[in-house]
Amino acid sequence: MDKLNSILLLHRADVKMGKSAKPISAITAIIIAAAIAILMLSLIYSAKIRPTITGGSVVTTTAEITGLAYEYYCNISLQEGWNLVSEPCIVANKSITSVLSSVNGSYDSVHHYNGTAATDKWKAYNPRLPEWVVQDLNEISVQSGYWINMNSDSKLTINGTIMTIHFISLSKGWNMAGYPINKTKNVTAAFSILSSGQINRLYAYNSTTGAYEVYYMNNNTGSLLYITPGRGYWVNVTSAGTWTVTE
């Protein structure tokens, strides 16, 4: 763009001073045309990846998304009983009742473990409790994992936006993490970018068998071979750090 601006300024200066403008060469014309095309595309791209995100019912902020984002329908199969899940679709309304509206009446409770909480680390939501009961799990984050207790088989459907890069804070010890991208990876590839500390082991829950799948990072063994969209994970780390998740 700097080169384009310089060429145009010089050309305008010659005309203003009464000089006959030198004809633009074919190569220069191609450079100008390409620069204009790139500029237009960048403006269109910027407009598409700067959505307005409403945080609950209190504040409205505009977030500039780093990286590419695209609209997507998330479909997550849930089985009767316990499911350890996450959902990668970013939505404007993150309240539990809104995010889980497609399975309303089919679940009994939702639970999340917050390792950084000072006192009660387990947060829960029960849709059958009366409205006057204060519940401490009110929103769903794409970066977190959740236990959902289903009373029947169902499919969670969410229309939202997927970002191709996320930065997930992990605290020392156990974390119930989500996997907020739409690409299955083997375990070592999925956890290849960690700012500090070391992952000891990972757990995922198989709702069909009712058993955990585990992966031990120290010797690269275990039954958990792939990190998959829609599943939640228990992640144990030696110290706090940031997990970079990318497609």
C-alpha atoms as a PDB file:
ATOM      1  CA  MET A   1       0.000   0.000   0.000  1.00  0.00           C
ATOM      2  CA  ASP A   2       2.917   2.402   0.711  1.00  0.00           C
ATOM      3  CA  LYS A   3       4.191   1.904  -2.825  1.00  0.00           C
ATOM      4  CA  LEU A   4       0.730   2.479  -4.263  1.00  0.00           C
ATOM      5  CA  ASN A   5       0.286   5.718  -2.289  1.00  0.00           C
ATOM      6  CA  SER A   6       3.692   7.010  -3.409  1.00  0.00           C
ATOM      7  CA  ILE A   7       2.941   6.349  -7.084  1.00  0.00           C
ATOM      8  CA  LEU A   8      -0.459   8.042  -6.913  1.00  0.00           C
ATOM      9  CA  LEU A   9       0.871  11.086  -5.029  1.00  0.00           C
ATOM     10  CA  LEU A  10       3.670  11.642  -7.530  1.00  0.00           C
ATOM     11  CA  HIS A  11       1.251  11.280 -10.414  1.00  0.00           C
ATOM     12  CA  ARG A  12      -1.171  13.827  -8.883  1.00  0.00           C
ATOM     13  CA  ALA A  13       1.704  16.249  -8.161  1.00  0.00           C
ATOM     14  CA  ASP A  14       2.817  16.218 -11.802  1.00  0.00           C
ATOM     15  CA  VAL A  15      -0.698  17.025 -12.973  1.00  0.00           C
ATOM     16  CA  LYS A  16      -1.167  19.811 -10.411  1.00  0.00           C
ATOM     17  CA  MET A  17       2.098  21.513 -11.444  1.00  0.00           C
ATOM     18  CA  GLY A  18       1.013  21.547 -15.065  1.00  0.00           C
ATOM     19  CA  LYS A  19       3.367  18.823 -16.077  1.00  0.00           C
ATOM     20  CA  SER A  20       2.172  16.243 -18.400  1.00  0.00           C
ATOM     21  CA  ALA A  21       1.751  13.095 -16.401  1.00  0.00           C
ATOM     22  CA  LYS A  22       3.955  10.268 -17.476  1.00  0.00           C
ATOM     23  CA  PRO A  23       2.015   7.329 -18.734  1.00  0.00           C
ATOM     24  CA  ILE A  24       1.836   4.505 -16.211  1.00  0.00           C
ATOM     25  CA  SER A  25       3.616   1.393 -17.324  1.00  0.00           C
ATOM     26  CA  ALA A  26       1.822  -1.949 -17.599  1.00  0.00           C
ATOM     27  CA  ILE A  27       3.679  -3.319 -14.550  1.00  0.00           C
ATOM     28  CA  THR A  28       2.770  -0.254 -12.462  1.00  0.00           C
ATOM     29  CA  ALA A  29      -0.876  -0.569 -13.518  1.00  0.00           C
ATOM     30  CA  ILE A  30      -0.893  -4.212 -12.430  1.00  0.00           C
ATOM     31  CA  ILE A  31       0.615  -3.272  -9.038  1.00  0.00           C
ATOM     32  CA  ILE A  32      -2.029  -0.575  -8.513  1.00  0.00           C
ATOM     33  CA  ALA A  33      -4.882  -2.910  -9.488  1.00  0.00           C
ATOM     34  CA  ALA A  34      -3.582  -5.677  -7.197  1.00  0.00           C
ATOM     35  CA  ALA A  35      -3.164  -3.263  -4.277  1.00  0.00           C
ATOM     36  CA  ILE A  36      -6.710  -1.955  -4.691  1.00  0.00           C
ATOM     37  CA  ALA A  37      -8.062  -5.525  -4.813  1.00  0.00           C
ATOM     38  CA  ILE A  38      -6.160  -6.462  -1.634  1.00  0.00           C
ATOM     39  CA  LEU A  39      -7.434  -3.338   0.104  1.00  0.00           C
ATOM     40  CA  MET A  40     -11.055  -4.135  -0.806  1.00  0.00           C
ATOM     41  CA  LEU A  41     -10.732  -7.736   0.339  1.00  0.00           C
ATOM     42  CA  SER A  42      -9.178  -6.687   3.642  1.00  0.00           C
ATOM     43  CA  LEU A  43     -12.058  -4.295   4.279  1.00  0.00           C
ATOM     44  CA  ILE A  44     -14.631  -7.017   3.545  1.00  0.00           C
ATOM     45  CA  TYR A  45     -12.731  -9.500   5.769  1.00  0.00           C
ATOM     46  CA  SER A  46     -12.494  -6.968   8.605  1.00  0.00           C
ATOM     47  CA  ALA A  47     -16.218  -6.330   8.461  1.00  0.00           C
ATOM     48  CA  LYS A  48     -17.042 -10.025   8.647  1.00  0.00           C
ATOM     49  CA  ILE A  49     -14.810 -10.867  11.635  1.00  0.00           C
ATOM     50  CA  ARG A  50     -15.834  -8.035  13.904  1.00  0.00           C
ATOM     51  CA  PRO A  51     -19.227  -9.129  15.200  1.00  0.00           C
ATOM     52  CA  THR A  52     -21.035  -7.570  18.136  1.00  0.00           C
ATOM     53  CA  ILE A  53     -21.056  -9.962  21.092  1.00  0.00           C
ATOM     54  CA  THR A  54     -23.550  -9.427  23.903  1.00  0.00           C
ATOM     55  CA  GLY A  55     -22.258 -10.569  27.280  1.00  0.00           C
ATOM     56  CA  GLY A  56     -25.326 -11.692  29.220  1.00  0.00           C
ATOM     57  CA  SER A  57     -27.936  -8.983  29.732  1.00  0.00           C
ATOM     58  CA  VAL A  58     -25.685  -6.375  31.309  1.00  0.00           C
ATOM     59  CA  VAL A  59     -23.016  -5.186  28.858  1.00  0.00           C
ATOM     60  CA  THR A  60     -22.708  -5.035  25.116  1.00  0.00           C
ATOM     61  CA  THR A  61     -19.177  -4.972  23.718  1.00  0.00           C
ATOM     62  CA  THR A  62     -17.620  -5.202  20.288  1.00  0.00           C
ATOM     63  CA  ALA A  63     -14.877  -7.794  20.061  1.00  0.00           C
ATOM     64  CA  GLU A  64     -12.217  -7.887  17.375  1.00  0.00           C
ATOM     65  CA  ILE A  65     -11.630 -11.531  16.582  1.00  0.00           C
ATOM     66  CA  THR A  66      -8.034 -12.572  16.034  1.00  0.00           C
ATOM     67  CA  GLY A  67      -7.926 -15.081  13.220  1.00  0.00           C
ATOM     68  CA  LEU A  68     -10.558 -16.420  10.889  1.00  0.00           C
ATOM     69  CA  ALA A  69     -14.129 -17.002  12.065  1.00  0.00           C
ATOM     70  CA  TYR A  70     -17.024 -18.631  10.254  1.00  0.00           C
ATOM     71  CA  GLU A  71     -20.665 -19.448  10.862  1.00  0.00           C
ATOM     72  CA  TYR A  72     -21.452 -23.042  11.757  1.00  0.00           C
ATOM     73  CA  TYR A  73     -24.198 -25.336  13.051  1.00  0.00           C
ATOM     74  CA  CYS A  74     -22.907 -27.367  15.988  1.00  0.00           C
ATOM     75  CA  ASN A  75     -24.639 -30.739  16.418  1.00  0.00           C
ATOM     76  CA  ILE A  76     -23.676 -32.743  19.506  1.00  0.00           C
ATOM     77  CA  SER A  77     -25.236 -36.131  20.238  1.00  0.00           C
ATOM     78  CA  LEU A  78     -26.111 -36.613  23.908  1.00  0.00           C
ATOM     79  CA  GLN A  79     -27.010 -39.952  25.424  1.00  0.00           C
ATOM     80  CA  GLU A  80     -29.202 -40.740  28.391  1.00  0.00           C
ATOM     81  CA  GLY A  81     -27.100 -40.481  31.531  1.00  0.00           C
ATOM     82  CA  TRP A  82     -23.845 -38.553  31.991  1.00  0.00           C
ATOM     83  CA  ASN A  83     -22.090 -36.783  29.114  1.00  0.00           C
ATOM     84  CA  LEU A  84     -18.793 -34.859  29.363  1.00  0.00           C
ATOM     85  CA  VAL A  85     -19.098 -32.305  26.576  1.00  0.00           C
ATOM     86  CA  SER A  86     -18.134 -28.906  25.235  1.00  0.00           C
ATOM     87  CA  GLU A  87     -19.597 -26.843  22.420  1.00  0.00           C
ATOM     88  CA  PRO A  88     -17.430 -24.818  19.977  1.00  0.00           C
ATOM     89  CA  CYS A  89     -20.096 -22.484  18.581  1.00  0.00           C
ATOM     90  CA  ILE A  90     -19.858 -18.909  19.880  1.00  0.00           C
ATOM     91  CA  VAL A  91     -23.283 -17.342  20.413  1.00  0.00           C
ATOM     92  CA  ALA A  92     -24.478 -13.903  21.497  1.00  0.00           C
ATOM     93  CA  ASN A  93     -26.574 -15.250  24.381  1.00  0.00           C
ATOM     94  CA  LYS A  94     -24.391 -17.554  26.504  1.00  0.00           C
ATOM     95  CA  SER A  95     -26.973 -18.305  29.178  1.00  0.00           C
ATOM     96  CA  ILE A  96     -27.490 -22.009  29.871  1.00  0.00           C
ATOM     97  CA  THR A  97     -31.199 -21.866  29.060  1.00  0.00           C
ATOM     98  CA  SER A  98     -30.465 -20.296  25.670  1.00  0.00           C
ATOM     99  CA  VAL A  99     -27.494 -22.502  24.680  1.00  0.00           C
ATOM    100  CA  LEU A 100     -29.299 -25.696  25.747  1.00  0.00           C
ATOM    101  CA  SER A 101     -32.714 -24.662  24.399  1.00  0.00           C
ATOM    102  CA  SER A 102     -32.678 -27.435  21.756  1.00  0.00           C
ATOM    103  CA  VAL A 103     -32.556 -30.086  24.520  1.00  0.00           C
ATOM    104  CA  ASN A 104     -34.886 -28.328  26.935  1.00  0.00           C
ATOM    105  CA  GLY A 105     -36.731 -30.917  29.026  1.00  0.00           C
ATOM    106  CA  SER A 106     -34.220 -33.649  28.129  1.00  0.00           C
ATOM    107  CA  TYR A 107     -31.578 -32.830  30.751  1.00  0.00           C
ATOM    108  CA  ASP A 108     -31.705 -32.897  34.550  1.00  0.00           C
ATOM    109  CA  SER A 109     -28.584 -30.931  35.488  1.00  0.00           C
ATOM    110  CA  VAL A 110     -25.356 -29.324  34.230  1.00  0.00           C
ATOM    111  CA  HIS A 111     -22.082 -29.234  36.194  1.00  0.00           C
ATOM    112  CA  HIS A 112     -18.688 -27.556  35.776  1.00  0.00           C
ATOM    113  CA  TYR A 113     -15.464 -27.729  37.811  1.00  0.00           C
ATOM    114  CA  ASN A 114     -13.664 -24.400  38.349  1.00  0.00           C
ATOM    115  CA  GLY A 115     -10.203 -25.073  39.750  1.00  0.00           C
ATOM    116  CA  THR A 116      -9.557 -21.386  40.474  1.00  0.00           C
ATOM    117  CA  ALA A 117     -12.635 -20.885  42.676  1.00  0.00           C
ATOM    118  CA  ALA A 118     -11.715 -19.979  46.259  1.00  0.00           C
ATOM    119  CA  THR A 119     -14.311 -22.146  47.999  1.00  0.00           C
ATOM    120  CA  ASP A 120     -16.868 -24.267  46.149  1.00  0.00           C
ATOM    121  CA  LYS A 121     -15.132 -25.406  42.959  1.00  0.00           C
ATOM    122  CA  TRP A 122     -18.161 -27.262  41.590  1.00  0.00           C
ATOM    123  CA  LYS A 123     -20.810 -25.130  39.884  1.00  0.00           C
ATOM    124  CA  ALA A 124     -24.226 -26.493  38.925  1.00  0.00           C
ATOM    125  CA  TYR A 125     -27.498 -25.690  37.226  1.00  0.00           C
ATOM    126  CA  ASN A 126     -30.761 -27.605  37.697  1.00  0.00           C
ATOM    127  CA  PRO A 127     -33.669 -26.525  35.460  1.00  0.00           C
ATOM    128  CA  ARG A 128     -36.213 -28.131  37.798  1.00  0.00           C
ATOM    129  CA  LEU A 129     -35.396 -25.956  40.806  1.00  0.00           C
ATOM    130  CA  PRO A 130     -37.752 -23.035  41.543  1.00  0.00           C
ATOM    131  CA  GLU A 131     -36.767 -19.578  40.279  1.00  0.00           C
ATOM    132  CA  TRP A 132     -36.034 -18.225  43.771  1.00  0.00           C
ATOM    133  CA  VAL A 133     -33.151 -20.718  44.194  1.00  0.00           C
ATOM    134  CA  VAL A 134     -29.797 -19.084  43.439  1.00  0.00           C
ATOM    135  CA  GLN A 135     -27.816 -21.276  41.025  1.00  0.00           C
ATOM    136  CA  ASP A 136     -24.083 -20.735  40.509  1.00  0.00           C
ATOM    137  CA  LEU A 137     -23.725 -21.948  36.908  1.00  0.00           C
ATOM    138  CA  ASN A 138     -25.485 -19.564  34.551  1.00  0.00           C
ATOM    139  CA  GLU A 139     -23.490 -19.415  31.310  1.00  0.00           C
ATOM    140  CA  ILE A 140     -21.802 -21.801  28.872  1.00  0.00           C
ATOM    141  CA  SER A 141     -18.281 -20.996  27.650  1.00  0.00           C
ATOM    142  CA  VAL A 142     -16.813 -22.611  24.522  1.00  0.00           C
ATOM    143  CA  GLN A 143     -13.490 -22.939  26.379  1.00  0.00           C
ATOM    144  CA  SER A 144     -14.922 -25.077  29.191  1.00  0.00           C
ATOM    145  CA  GLY A 145     -16.140 -28.636  29.554  1.00  0.00           C
ATOM    146  CA  TYR A 146     -19.412 -29.619  31.237  1.00  0.00           C
ATOM    147  CA  TRP A 147     -21.104 -32.661  32.689  1.00  0.00           C
ATOM    148  CA  ILE A 148     -24.672 -32.866  31.407  1.00  0.00           C
ATOM    149  CA  ASN A 149     -26.997 -35.428  32.940  1.00  0.00           C
ATOM    150  CA  MET A 150     -29.577 -36.388  30.302  1.00  0.00           C
ATOM    151  CA  ASN A 151     -32.895 -38.104  31.025  1.00  0.00           C
ATOM    152  CA  SER A 152     -33.179 -39.208  27.380  1.00  0.00           C
ATOM    153  CA  ASP A 153     -31.120 -39.339  24.189  1.00  0.00           C
ATOM    154  CA  SER A 154     -31.131 -36.062  22.323  1.00  0.00           C
ATOM    155  CA  LYS A 155     -29.102 -33.829  20.005  1.00  0.00           C
ATOM    156  CA  LEU A 156     -27.803 -30.424  21.017  1.00  0.00           C
ATOM    157  CA  THR A 157     -28.017 -28.023  18.044  1.00  0.00           C
ATOM    158  CA  ILE A 158     -26.450 -24.559  18.159  1.00  0.00           C
ATOM    159  CA  ASN A 159     -26.163 -22.001  15.382  1.00  0.00           C
ATOM    160  CA  GLY A 160     -23.131 -19.798  16.021  1.00  0.00           C
ATOM    161  CA  THR A 161     -19.623 -18.811  15.015  1.00  0.00           C
ATOM    162  CA  ILE A 162     -16.447 -20.866  15.220  1.00  0.00           C
ATOM    163  CA  MET A 163     -13.072 -19.213  15.671  1.00  0.00           C
ATOM    164  CA  THR A 164     -10.002 -21.047  14.407  1.00  0.00           C
ATOM    165  CA  ILE A 165      -7.791 -19.985  17.329  1.00  0.00           C
ATOM    166  CA  HIS A 166      -8.377 -19.832  21.096  1.00  0.00           C
ATOM    167  CA  PHE A 167      -6.217 -19.188  24.152  1.00  0.00           C
ATOM    168  CA  ILE A 168      -7.410 -21.276  27.113  1.00  0.00           C
ATOM    169  CA  SER A 169      -6.087 -20.568  30.618  1.00  0.00           C
ATOM    170  CA  LEU A 170      -5.228 -23.734  32.531  1.00  0.00           C
ATOM    171  CA  SER A 171      -4.663 -23.650  36.297  1.00  0.00           C
ATOM    172  CA  LYS A 172      -2.305 -25.953  38.177  1.00  0.00           C
ATOM    173  CA  GLY A 173      -3.957 -29.294  38.830  1.00  0.00           C
ATOM    174  CA  TRP A 174      -7.255 -30.335  37.283  1.00  0.00           C
ATOM    175  CA  ASN A 175      -9.124 -28.374  34.615  1.00  0.00           C
ATOM    176  CA  MET A 176     -12.437 -29.203  32.922  1.00  0.00           C
ATOM    177  CA  ALA A 177     -11.608 -27.850  29.485  1.00  0.00           C
ATOM    178  CA  GLY A 178     -13.486 -27.561  26.238  1.00  0.00           C
ATOM    179  CA  TYR A 179     -12.184 -28.010  22.695  1.00  0.00           C
ATOM    180  CA  PRO A 180     -13.541 -24.941  20.844  1.00  0.00           C
ATOM    181  CA  ILE A 181     -12.458 -25.657  17.260  1.00  0.00           C
ATOM    182  CA  ASN A 182     -13.978 -27.816  14.553  1.00  0.00           C
ATOM    183  CA  LYS A 183     -11.077 -30.118  13.745  1.00  0.00           C
ATOM    184  CA  THR A 184     -10.192 -33.513  15.210  1.00  0.00           C
ATOM    185  CA  LYS A 185      -6.495 -33.889  16.092  1.00  0.00           C
ATOM    186  CA  ASN A 186      -4.357 -36.533  17.721  1.00  0.00           C
ATOM    187  CA  VAL A 187      -3.567 -35.773  21.361  1.00  0.00           C
ATOM    188  CA  THR A 188       0.032 -34.593  20.928  1.00  0.00           C
ATOM    189  CA  ALA A 189      -0.867 -32.280  18.039  1.00  0.00           C
ATOM    190  CA  ALA A 190      -3.856 -30.790  19.880  1.00  0.00           C
ATOM    191  CA  PHE A 191      -1.757 -29.960  22.957  1.00  0.00           C
ATOM    192  CA  SER A 192       1.441 -28.979  21.141  1.00  0.00           C
ATOM    193  CA  ILE A 193       1.273 -25.278  22.160  1.00  0.00           C
ATOM    194  CA  LEU A 194       1.369 -24.769  25.935  1.00  0.00           C
ATOM    195  CA  SER A 195       2.940 -21.592  27.345  1.00  0.00           C
ATOM    196  CA  SER A 196       4.280 -23.169  30.527  1.00  0.00           C
ATOM    197  CA  GLY A 197       4.070 -26.282  32.655  1.00  0.00           C
ATOM    198  CA  GLN A 198       3.484 -29.780  31.439  1.00  0.00           C
ATOM    199  CA  ILE A 199       0.377 -31.859  30.928  1.00  0.00           C
ATOM    200  CA  ASN A 200       0.398 -35.008  33.030  1.00  0.00           C
ATOM    201  CA  ARG A 201      -2.666 -36.772  31.708  1.00  0.00           C
ATOM    202  CA  LEU A 202      -6.017 -36.285  30.006  1.00  0.00           C
ATOM    203  CA  TYR A 203      -9.399 -37.925  30.489  1.00  0.00           C
ATOM    204  CA  ALA A 204     -12.481 -38.067  28.293  1.00  0.00           C
ATOM    205  CA  TYR A 205     -15.712 -39.872  29.142  1.00  0.00           C
ATOM    206  CA  ASN A 206     -17.319 -42.372  26.785  1.00  0.00           C
ATOM    207  CA  SER A 207     -21.075 -42.127  27.327  1.00  0.00           C
ATOM    208  CA  THR A 208     -21.702 -45.331  25.366  1.00  0.00           C
ATOM    209  CA  THR A 209     -19.443 -47.553  27.478  1.00  0.00           C
ATOM    210  CA  GLY A 210     -19.729 -45.560  30.694  1.00  0.00           C
ATOM    211  CA  ALA A 211     -15.938 -45.571  31.063  1.00  0.00           C
ATOM    212  CA  TYR A 212     -13.107 -43.033  30.925  1.00  0.00           C
ATOM    213  CA  GLU A 213     -10.537 -42.864  28.147  1.00  0.00           C
ATOM    214  CA  VAL A 214      -7.112 -41.706  29.343  1.00  0.00           C
ATOM    215  CA  TYR A 215      -3.861 -40.474  27.803  1.00  0.00           C
ATOM    216  CA  TYR A 216      -0.552 -40.262  29.705  1.00  0.00           C
ATOM    217  CA  MET A 217       1.667 -37.530  28.292  1.00  0.00           C
ATOM    218  CA  ASN A 218       4.877 -38.684  30.003  1.00  0.00           C
ATOM    219  CA  ASN A 219       5.070 -41.898  27.972  1.00  0.00           C
ATOM    220  CA  ASN A 220       2.509 -41.176  25.212  1.00  0.00           C
ATOM    221  CA  THR A 221       0.257 -44.105  26.012  1.00  0.00           C
ATOM    222  CA  GLY A 222      -3.423 -44.616  26.694  1.00  0.00           C
ATOM    223  CA  SER A 223      -6.796 -45.298  25.113  1.00  0.00           C
ATOM    224  CA  LEU A 224      -7.564 -41.637  24.320  1.00  0.00           C
ATOM    225  CA  LEU A 225      -6.029 -41.097  20.893  1.00  0.00           C
ATOM    226  CA  TYR A 226      -7.878 -38.081  19.450  1.00  0.00           C
ATOM    227  CA  ILE A 227      -9.225 -34.755  20.703  1.00  0.00           C
ATOM    228  CA  THR A 228     -12.640 -34.294  19.137  1.00  0.00           C
ATOM    229  CA  PRO A 229     -15.053 -31.332  18.839  1.00  0.00           C
ATOM    230  CA  GLY A 230     -18.079 -31.683  21.104  1.00  0.00           C
ATOM    231  CA  ARG A 231     -16.279 -33.515  23.899  1.00  0.00           C
ATOM    232  CA  GLY A 232     -15.100 -32.103  27.221  1.00  0.00           C
ATOM    233  CA  TYR A 233     -11.773 -33.079  28.808  1.00  0.00           C
ATOM    234  CA  TRP A 234     -10.205 -33.379  32.218  1.00  0.00           C
ATOM    235  CA  VAL A 235      -6.726 -31.879  31.837  1.00  0.00           C
ATOM    236  CA  ASN A 236      -4.118 -32.178  34.603  1.00  0.00           C
ATOM    237  CA  VAL A 237      -1.151 -29.778  34.396  1.00  0.00           C
ATOM    238  CA  THR A 238       1.932 -29.241  36.586  1.00  0.00           C
ATOM    239  CA  SER A 239       1.634 -25.444  36.642  1.00  0.00           C
ATOM    240  CA  ALA A 240      -0.619 -22.689  35.319  1.00  0.00           C
ATOM    241  CA  GLY A 241      -0.283 -21.855  31.640  1.00  0.00           C
ATOM    242  CA  THR A 242      -2.110 -21.027  28.422  1.00  0.00           C
ATOM    243  CA  TRP A 243      -3.175 -23.689  25.950  1.00  0.00           C
ATOM    244  CA  THR A 244      -3.320 -22.378  22.388  1.00  0.00           C
ATOM    245  CA  VAL A 245      -5.926 -24.252  20.354  1.00  0.00           C
ATOM    246  CA  THR A 246      -5.817 -23.794  16.583  1.00  0.00           C
ATOM    247  CA  GLU A 247      -7.307 -25.404  13.505  1.00  0.00           C
END
